[in-house]
Amino acid sequence: MTATARTITLFRADVPESRHPMMGVVCDAAGTVVRAWGADPHAMVFPRSALKPLQALPLVESGAADAFAVSDAELALACASHNGLPMHVERVAAWLDRIGCTVDDLECGAHDPYDAGATRTIYEHHDKPSALHNNCSGKHTGMLTVCRHLGLPTKGYSDAHHPLQQRILTTYAETSGTPEAAMPVGIDGCSLPAAAMPLSGLATAMARFADPDGRFAPARAEAARRLCRAWAAHPELVAGPNTFNTDAMVLSGNRVLLKRGAQGVYGGCVPEKGLGFAIKAESGNSVAADAMTAVVMRELGLVDDEVWKKMVDLPYFRETSWRGLPAGTYRPEDGWPA
C-alpha cells in the first residue's frame, strides 16, 4: 500500500480560499488495500447513495427483476441518484405501474429535480414535484418490486425493521466484509436506513462487484455482473447529463463505473482491473469529491492523456460569477496529476 495526502482546494485569483482534505482508498476483491490517500483508509463513513448498487442486489438475486421483466434501464435507475429529467421520471412511473404500485407507494418524499431546467418546467406549468422526481425514486421502486415478488408488505418498506431492510443490511455486511454489529445505522435523506462502514469496506464491496466470481455466491455474482452491465450501458440514467458522475463514466469509455453519494462520497468499480475505490471529502464538499475521483482515475491509469485533458477541463471544477465571469477553480493542492 502506498499513501499520499491529497487536499482539493478552491483557488480564487490563485490564492487558496477553501481546502477540503480527502480520504481515498483502492481495494481488491480480497479486501486488500492497494492504494490510499489521506488520513485513514479505514475511517467510518456514511456512503449514502454510493450504496445503491448494493441495495439493488436483492432486486436481481431474489428473482424479482426477472419476475417483473425489469429492463437494464430500470436496473440502472435502481442504482441511480438521478436528476429528475423526463427520461428518469417517465421510466420510474411506467415501472411502478407495471408492478401494480403508484407514486403514493413511494416512501422517499419529494424534492425539486436536481436539474434546474426540469425544476423550471414544473413550476412554469404551475405544478409541483412529486416523489417521482426524488433522485432515489428508482431505488425505491426497485425495493417495492422486491416486496411484490416476495409477498412482503409494501407499506413501511423503508423502516429499518422491515424484512427487506434487514436483508439489505446483511447484504452490506457480506459484500463489504463489515460485521452488521459494527455498522451504525441512521436515516438517509430519502428516509431509508443509512448504514456507516469503513471507507475500505465500501471499496471492497465495489471491487467485488468488479470481480464477483469466487467472492460472491453464484446467484449474487450473476446479479453483480448484470447490474454492472446496466450501470455501464446507461450512465445518463445513473445521474444525468451535465453531471460529473455521468460525464466521467462516458469519458472513460465506461472503464470505470461511478456512484456518487451525498456529503462528498464516491464509490467506483474498475472491472478490467478487479478493483474498487471509495472517496470521501472530509468537508462533505461534492465538487471536491468530483475532483478527487478524477485524480484517482488518472493515477490508476484509467484515462489517457487526451481524455485527461477533457476531464480536467470539465465545467464542474470552475466557479463563475452570476454574470458568467471566471471566478475560481477546484484542483488538488499539489496540482493535477501529470
Protein backbone atom coordinates (compact mmCIF):
# COMPACT_ATOMS: atom_id res chain seq x y z
CA MET A 1 0.00 0.00 0.00
CA THR A 2 1.21 3.49 -0.78
CA ALA A 3 -0.35 6.51 0.89
CA THR A 4 -0.18 10.12 -0.23
CA ALA A 5 -2.01 13.10 1.21
CA ARG A 6 -4.49 14.83 -1.04
CA THR A 7 -6.29 18.11 -0.49
CA ILE A 8 -8.67 19.58 -3.04
CA THR A 9 -8.57 23.36 -2.87
CA LEU A 10 -10.72 26.14 -4.26
CA PHE A 11 -8.36 28.78 -5.66
CA ARG A 12 -9.55 32.32 -6.29
CA ALA A 13 -7.03 34.62 -8.02
CA ASP A 14 -4.57 31.74 -7.48
CA VAL A 15 -4.96 32.15 -3.71
CA PRO A 16 -6.26 29.17 -1.71
CA GLU A 17 -9.73 30.08 -0.45
CA SER A 18 -11.11 26.75 0.85
CA ARG A 19 -9.30 23.49 1.49
CA HIS A 20 -11.00 20.08 1.51
CA PRO A 21 -8.94 17.21 2.94
CA MET A 22 -9.72 13.98 1.12
CA MET A 23 -9.66 10.32 2.01
CA GLY A 24 -9.46 7.71 -0.70
CA VAL A 25 -8.76 4.01 -0.88
CA VAL A 26 -8.43 1.37 -3.59
CA CYS A 27 -9.07 -2.28 -2.68
CA ASP A 28 -9.07 -5.59 -4.48
CA ALA A 29 -11.79 -8.20 -4.13
CA ALA A 30 -9.96 -9.84 -1.22
CA GLY A 31 -10.30 -6.58 0.71
CA THR A 32 -6.60 -5.74 0.49
CA VAL A 33 -5.81 -2.03 0.43
CA VAL A 34 -3.61 -1.46 -2.63
CA ARG A 35 -3.57 2.34 -2.65
CA ALA A 36 -4.64 5.00 -0.18
CA TRP A 37 -4.78 8.76 0.14
CA GLY A 38 -5.44 10.90 3.17
CA ALA A 39 -5.78 10.27 6.87
CA ASP A 40 -7.27 6.80 7.31
CA PRO A 41 -8.44 4.31 4.68
CA HIS A 42 -10.48 2.53 7.35
CA ALA A 43 -12.30 5.62 8.68
CA MET A 44 -16.01 5.11 9.30
CA VAL A 45 -18.15 6.95 6.76
CA PHE A 46 -21.77 7.04 5.66
CA PRO A 47 -21.56 6.07 1.96
CA ARG A 48 -25.11 7.34 1.44
CA SER A 49 -26.15 6.86 -2.20
CA ALA A 50 -22.85 5.19 -3.11
CA LEU A 51 -24.51 2.10 -1.57
CA LYS A 52 -27.27 1.98 -4.18
CA PRO A 53 -25.69 -0.81 -6.27
CA LEU A 54 -25.54 -2.93 -3.09
CA GLN A 55 -29.15 -2.07 -2.29
CA ALA A 56 -30.09 -3.26 -5.78
CA LEU A 57 -28.60 -6.74 -5.35
CA PRO A 58 -31.79 -8.23 -3.79
CA LEU A 59 -33.80 -6.93 -6.74
CA VAL A 60 -31.87 -9.25 -9.05
CA GLU A 61 -30.81 -12.17 -6.87
CA SER A 62 -34.31 -12.63 -5.40
CA GLY A 63 -35.74 -13.22 -8.87
CA ALA A 64 -37.88 -10.06 -8.67
CA ALA A 65 -36.20 -8.43 -11.68
CA ASP A 66 -36.98 -11.44 -13.88
CA ALA A 67 -40.50 -11.87 -12.47
CA PHE A 68 -41.41 -8.28 -13.39
CA ALA A 69 -39.34 -8.05 -16.60
CA VAL A 70 -37.13 -5.29 -15.18
CA SER A 71 -35.06 -3.84 -18.01
CA ASP A 72 -31.41 -2.82 -17.93
CA ALA A 73 -32.53 0.81 -17.99
CA GLU A 74 -34.64 0.19 -14.90
CA LEU A 75 -31.75 -1.61 -13.17
CA ALA A 76 -29.63 1.48 -13.83
CA LEU A 77 -32.36 3.60 -12.25
CA ALA A 78 -32.35 1.30 -9.21
CA CYS A 79 -28.69 2.32 -8.76
CA ALA A 80 -29.29 5.98 -9.61
CA SER A 81 -29.20 9.37 -8.00
CA HIS A 82 -30.97 10.81 -10.99
CA ASN A 83 -31.61 14.41 -11.97
CA GLY A 84 -35.40 14.21 -12.29
CA LEU A 85 -35.50 14.64 -16.05
CA PRO A 86 -38.36 13.18 -18.11
CA MET A 87 -36.06 10.29 -19.13
CA HIS A 88 -35.87 9.36 -15.44
CA VAL A 89 -39.34 10.23 -14.18
CA GLU A 90 -41.29 8.64 -17.03
CA ARG A 91 -39.39 5.35 -16.75
CA VAL A 92 -39.95 5.16 -13.00
CA ALA A 93 -43.67 5.90 -13.43
CA ALA A 94 -44.04 3.13 -16.01
CA TRP A 95 -42.14 0.69 -13.80
CA LEU A 96 -44.37 1.47 -10.82
CA ASP A 97 -47.46 0.90 -12.93
CA ARG A 98 -46.16 -2.47 -14.12
CA ILE A 99 -45.73 -3.76 -10.55
CA GLY A 100 -49.18 -2.50 -9.51
CA CYS A 101 -47.96 0.47 -7.46
CA THR A 102 -48.33 4.24 -7.74
CA VAL A 103 -46.33 7.29 -6.75
CA ASP A 104 -48.22 7.24 -3.44
CA ASP A 105 -46.46 3.99 -2.55
CA LEU A 106 -43.04 5.64 -2.74
CA GLU A 107 -41.70 6.50 0.72
CA CYS A 108 -38.80 8.67 -0.46
CA GLY A 109 -40.58 12.04 -0.29
CA ALA A 110 -40.49 14.76 -2.95
CA HIS A 111 -37.91 17.38 -3.80
CA ASP A 112 -37.16 19.66 -6.74
CA PRO A 113 -35.30 17.87 -9.54
CA TYR A 114 -31.54 18.28 -9.41
CA ASP A 115 -31.73 19.54 -12.99
CA ALA A 116 -32.54 23.25 -12.96
CA GLY A 117 -34.33 23.10 -16.31
CA ALA A 118 -36.59 20.29 -15.13
CA THR A 119 -37.43 22.25 -12.00
CA ARG A 120 -38.22 25.37 -14.02
CA THR A 121 -40.54 23.39 -16.31
CA ILE A 122 -42.51 22.03 -13.34
CA TYR A 123 -43.16 25.47 -11.87
CA GLU A 124 -43.85 27.07 -15.26
CA HIS A 125 -46.72 24.59 -15.55
CA HIS A 126 -47.93 25.60 -12.06
CA ASP A 127 -47.21 22.09 -10.87
CA LYS A 128 -45.07 20.77 -8.03
CA PRO A 129 -42.54 17.96 -7.84
CA SER A 130 -43.66 14.52 -6.71
CA ALA A 131 -41.80 11.57 -5.27
CA LEU A 132 -41.07 10.54 -8.87
CA HIS A 133 -38.67 13.50 -9.09
CA ASN A 134 -36.78 12.38 -5.99
CA ASN A 135 -33.31 11.31 -7.08
CA CYS A 136 -33.89 7.99 -5.27
CA SER A 137 -37.24 7.09 -6.86
CA GLY A 138 -35.69 4.32 -8.97
CA LYS A 139 -34.11 2.70 -5.93
CA HIS A 140 -37.39 2.84 -4.03
CA THR A 141 -39.28 1.37 -6.99
CA GLY A 142 -36.77 -1.47 -7.06
CA MET A 143 -37.46 -2.13 -3.39
CA LEU A 144 -41.21 -2.14 -3.98
CA THR A 145 -40.58 -4.66 -6.77
CA VAL A 146 -38.80 -6.98 -4.34
CA CYS A 147 -41.65 -6.64 -1.85
CA ARG A 148 -44.22 -7.50 -4.52
CA HIS A 149 -42.23 -10.56 -5.59
CA LEU A 150 -41.57 -11.89 -2.08
CA GLY A 151 -45.01 -11.07 -0.70
CA LEU A 152 -43.63 -8.56 1.80
CA PRO A 153 -45.63 -5.52 2.95
CA THR A 154 -45.14 -2.55 0.68
CA LYS A 155 -46.30 -0.09 3.33
CA GLY A 156 -43.42 0.68 5.66
CA TYR A 157 -40.80 -0.90 3.37
CA SER A 158 -38.44 1.97 4.27
CA ASP A 159 -38.46 1.16 8.00
CA ALA A 160 -35.21 -0.25 9.37
CA HIS A 161 -37.09 -3.21 10.87
CA HIS A 162 -38.81 -4.19 7.62
CA PRO A 163 -37.60 -7.61 6.38
CA LEU A 164 -36.26 -6.09 3.16
CA GLN A 165 -34.14 -3.52 5.01
CA GLN A 166 -32.83 -6.25 7.28
CA ARG A 167 -31.87 -8.25 4.19
CA ILE A 168 -30.12 -5.21 2.72
CA LEU A 169 -28.16 -4.65 5.94
CA THR A 170 -26.98 -8.26 5.76
CA THR A 171 -26.01 -7.65 2.13
CA TYR A 172 -23.84 -4.71 3.20
CA ALA A 173 -22.08 -6.92 5.73
CA GLU A 174 -21.50 -9.75 3.27
CA THR A 175 -20.24 -7.55 0.44
CA SER A 176 -18.09 -5.12 2.43
CA GLY A 177 -16.70 -7.56 4.99
CA THR A 178 -18.04 -5.39 7.81
CA PRO A 179 -20.00 -7.11 10.61
CA GLU A 180 -23.57 -5.87 10.92
CA ALA A 181 -22.99 -5.00 14.58
CA ALA A 182 -20.14 -2.70 13.54
CA MET A 183 -22.32 -0.61 11.21
CA PRO A 184 -24.16 2.26 12.91
CA VAL A 185 -27.46 2.94 11.17
CA GLY A 186 -29.05 6.37 10.77
CA ILE A 187 -31.63 7.81 8.38
CA ASP A 188 -30.83 8.82 4.82
CA GLY A 189 -32.32 11.80 3.00
CA CYS A 190 -34.83 9.54 1.27
CA SER A 191 -35.94 8.11 4.65
CA LEU A 192 -34.24 4.73 4.21
CA PRO A 193 -31.76 3.37 6.77
CA ALA A 194 -28.27 4.82 6.21
CA ALA A 195 -25.51 2.47 7.33
CA ALA A 196 -21.96 3.54 8.12
CA MET A 197 -18.95 1.37 7.29
CA PRO A 198 -15.19 1.75 6.86
CA LEU A 199 -14.19 3.55 3.68
CA SER A 200 -12.18 0.44 2.82
CA GLY A 201 -15.35 -1.63 3.24
CA LEU A 202 -17.10 0.39 0.54
CA ALA A 203 -14.05 -0.01 -1.73
CA THR A 204 -14.04 -3.76 -1.07
CA ALA A 205 -17.72 -4.07 -1.98
CA MET A 206 -17.07 -2.13 -5.19
CA ALA A 207 -14.13 -4.43 -6.01
CA ARG A 208 -16.35 -7.47 -5.50
CA PHE A 209 -18.83 -6.01 -7.98
CA ALA A 210 -15.93 -5.64 -10.39
CA ASP A 211 -14.64 -9.19 -9.75
CA PRO A 212 -17.51 -11.20 -8.20
CA ASP A 213 -16.51 -14.76 -9.05
CA GLY A 214 -15.24 -16.61 -6.03
CA ARG A 215 -16.21 -13.72 -3.76
CA PHE A 216 -19.98 -13.97 -4.11
CA ALA A 217 -22.28 -16.98 -4.32
CA PRO A 218 -23.17 -17.74 -7.98
CA ALA A 219 -26.57 -16.00 -7.88
CA ARG A 220 -25.08 -12.87 -6.34
CA ALA A 221 -22.13 -12.92 -8.74
CA GLU A 222 -24.51 -13.00 -11.69
CA ALA A 223 -26.60 -10.23 -10.10
CA ALA A 224 -23.49 -8.07 -9.72
CA ARG A 225 -22.47 -8.66 -13.33
CA ARG A 226 -25.97 -7.82 -14.53
CA LEU A 227 -26.09 -4.61 -12.51
CA CYS A 228 -22.65 -3.60 -13.76
CA ARG A 229 -23.76 -4.14 -17.37
CA ALA A 230 -26.81 -1.94 -16.79
CA TRP A 231 -24.73 0.65 -14.94
CA ALA A 232 -22.29 0.84 -17.88
CA ALA A 233 -24.96 0.82 -20.58
CA HIS A 234 -26.99 3.70 -19.10
CA PRO A 235 -24.68 6.27 -17.48
CA GLU A 236 -27.19 9.01 -18.31
CA LEU A 237 -29.75 7.29 -16.07
CA VAL A 238 -27.38 6.73 -13.14
CA ALA A 239 -27.06 10.51 -12.70
CA GLY A 240 -27.85 12.58 -15.77
CA PRO A 241 -26.48 14.93 -18.40
CA ASN A 242 -24.32 17.72 -17.03
CA THR A 243 -23.07 15.75 -14.04
CA PHE A 244 -19.52 14.70 -13.33
CA ASN A 245 -20.73 11.22 -12.39
CA THR A 246 -22.17 10.57 -15.86
CA ASP A 247 -19.62 12.55 -17.86
CA ALA A 248 -16.63 10.85 -16.25
CA MET A 249 -18.06 7.40 -16.95
CA VAL A 250 -18.66 8.33 -20.60
CA LEU A 251 -15.21 9.89 -21.00
CA SER A 252 -13.58 6.74 -19.62
CA GLY A 253 -15.48 4.61 -22.12
CA ASN A 254 -17.25 3.07 -19.11
CA ARG A 255 -13.98 1.51 -17.96
CA VAL A 256 -14.96 2.97 -14.59
CA LEU A 257 -18.43 2.70 -13.04
CA LEU A 258 -19.09 5.58 -10.65
CA LYS A 259 -21.71 6.13 -7.98
CA ARG A 260 -21.80 9.37 -6.08
CA GLY A 261 -23.21 9.77 -2.59
CA ALA A 262 -24.24 12.80 -0.58
CA GLN A 263 -21.71 14.67 1.55
CA GLY A 264 -18.77 14.14 -0.76
CA VAL A 265 -18.68 10.37 -1.28
CA TYR A 266 -17.93 8.27 -4.35
CA GLY A 267 -17.77 4.55 -4.92
CA GLY A 268 -16.18 3.18 -8.08
CA CYS A 269 -15.79 -0.17 -9.83
CA VAL A 270 -12.94 -0.95 -12.23
CA PRO A 271 -13.96 -4.26 -13.83
CA GLU A 272 -10.89 -4.64 -16.04
CA LYS A 273 -8.59 -4.48 -13.02
CA GLY A 274 -10.85 -6.19 -10.48
CA LEU A 275 -10.55 -3.14 -8.23
CA GLY A 276 -12.90 -0.89 -6.33
CA PHE A 277 -12.34 2.51 -4.81
CA ALA A 278 -14.04 4.81 -2.36
CA ILE A 279 -13.60 8.53 -1.76
CA LYS A 280 -14.75 10.86 0.98
CA ALA A 281 -14.33 14.62 1.19
CA GLU A 282 -13.96 15.25 4.91
CA SER A 283 -15.78 18.58 4.46
CA GLY A 284 -18.64 16.92 2.57
CA ASN A 285 -17.96 19.11 -0.48
CA SER A 286 -19.30 17.41 -3.62
CA VAL A 287 -17.10 19.28 -6.11
CA ALA A 288 -14.01 18.28 -4.14
CA ALA A 289 -15.20 14.67 -4.33
CA ASP A 290 -15.63 15.00 -8.10
CA ALA A 291 -12.09 16.33 -8.41
CA MET A 292 -10.61 13.59 -6.23
CA THR A 293 -12.44 10.98 -8.30
CA ALA A 294 -10.76 12.38 -11.39
CA VAL A 295 -7.39 12.16 -9.61
CA VAL A 296 -7.93 8.51 -8.69
CA MET A 297 -8.99 7.63 -12.23
CA ARG A 298 -5.81 9.25 -13.57
CA GLU A 299 -3.48 7.70 -11.03
CA LEU A 300 -4.93 4.24 -11.70
CA GLY A 301 -4.17 4.71 -15.41
CA LEU A 302 -7.82 4.65 -16.45
CA VAL A 303 -7.76 7.75 -18.64
CA ASP A 304 -5.20 8.56 -21.33
CA ASP A 305 -3.68 11.98 -21.97
CA GLU A 306 -6.37 13.06 -24.43
CA VAL A 307 -9.23 12.06 -22.14
CA TRP A 308 -7.47 13.56 -19.13
CA LYS A 309 -7.27 16.97 -20.79
CA LYS A 310 -11.02 16.83 -21.40
CA MET A 311 -11.72 15.66 -17.86
CA VAL A 312 -9.84 18.42 -16.04
CA ASP A 313 -11.50 20.96 -18.34
CA LEU A 314 -15.00 19.90 -17.31
CA PRO A 315 -17.03 22.86 -16.04
CA TYR A 316 -17.70 21.28 -12.65
CA PHE A 317 -14.28 22.34 -11.37
CA ARG A 318 -14.81 26.04 -12.15
CA GLU A 319 -16.75 28.71 -10.29
CA THR A 320 -18.22 31.66 -12.16
CA SER A 321 -19.86 34.88 -11.12
CA TRP A 322 -23.58 35.42 -11.68
CA ARG A 323 -22.57 37.20 -14.91
CA GLY A 324 -20.60 34.17 -16.02
CA LEU A 325 -17.14 35.58 -15.31
CA PRO A 326 -14.43 33.08 -14.30
CA ALA A 327 -14.05 33.31 -10.53
CA GLY A 328 -12.35 30.24 -9.10
CA THR A 329 -11.11 26.72 -9.74
CA TYR A 330 -11.08 23.47 -7.74
CA ARG A 331 -7.95 21.36 -8.09
CA PRO A 332 -5.59 19.34 -5.91
CA GLU A 333 -3.47 21.48 -3.64
CA ASP A 334 -0.36 19.91 -5.16
CA GLY A 335 -1.65 20.13 -8.73
CA TRP A 336 -3.43 17.79 -11.11
CA PRO A 337 -1.54 14.57 -11.90
CA ALA A 338 0.64 14.78 -15.00
